[in-house]
Amino acid sequence: MKLLQNQAALARFAPGAIEALTEAATNATFYAAPLTSEQIAANKRVVAMSARVCEEAAASVDHCFIAAFIDSRFAGFVVAARHATHGHELDWLMVHPDFHGSPVSRALMDAGLDWLGRDKPIWLTVIQFNARAIRFYEKFGFAVDRDTKTAHTVPHHIMRRPAEASWPAPPSTSSG
């Protein structure tokens, strides 16, 4: 697996690759519950905006875009953000369903946490019915914040991970 960051990652993409991966990932994980037409439209907006979000993150000093490749195949991406007023956010984590259950998600999560700073409090949003994603984030020390509500059309939870200087470092992995 190879992880590339920002402009180096963007240089590897054919037009439409980010949208195609985002569509595959959202189709596999964002439609598990009966959705209204408004919620389906909101999910489609996620796909439509994905390339722009990644491009803007790659060009920003306060954001980071990291893409994972298995051989030459685009497997997933993460966008992390350092907000001045809202703290550190793991903003997007999208993995093609062909790579669910593989090391791709963990590698992207570790890269995002490393960029944000493992000694900082970090938050993210997750679709409420995406139990698999919630369990995955819990493995990294995130917990659902039941007191914070979101205004998403599709119901989301905020999950938070406290700052812990002693938080375990990820296991070493080889890339190539």
Foldseek 3Di string as FASTA:
>chain_A
DDKDKQPVVVVLDDPPQQLVQLVQQCVVFVCPDDDDPVSVVLSNVCSVCRVVVRNVQSVDPFKMKMWDDDPSHTFWIWMWGADPPPGTEREDTTGRPVCVVHCPSVVRVLVRCVVSDLQAKYKYKDQPVRVVVQVVVVVQQWDWDPVDADPDSRGITMIMHHGDPVRDHDDDDDDD
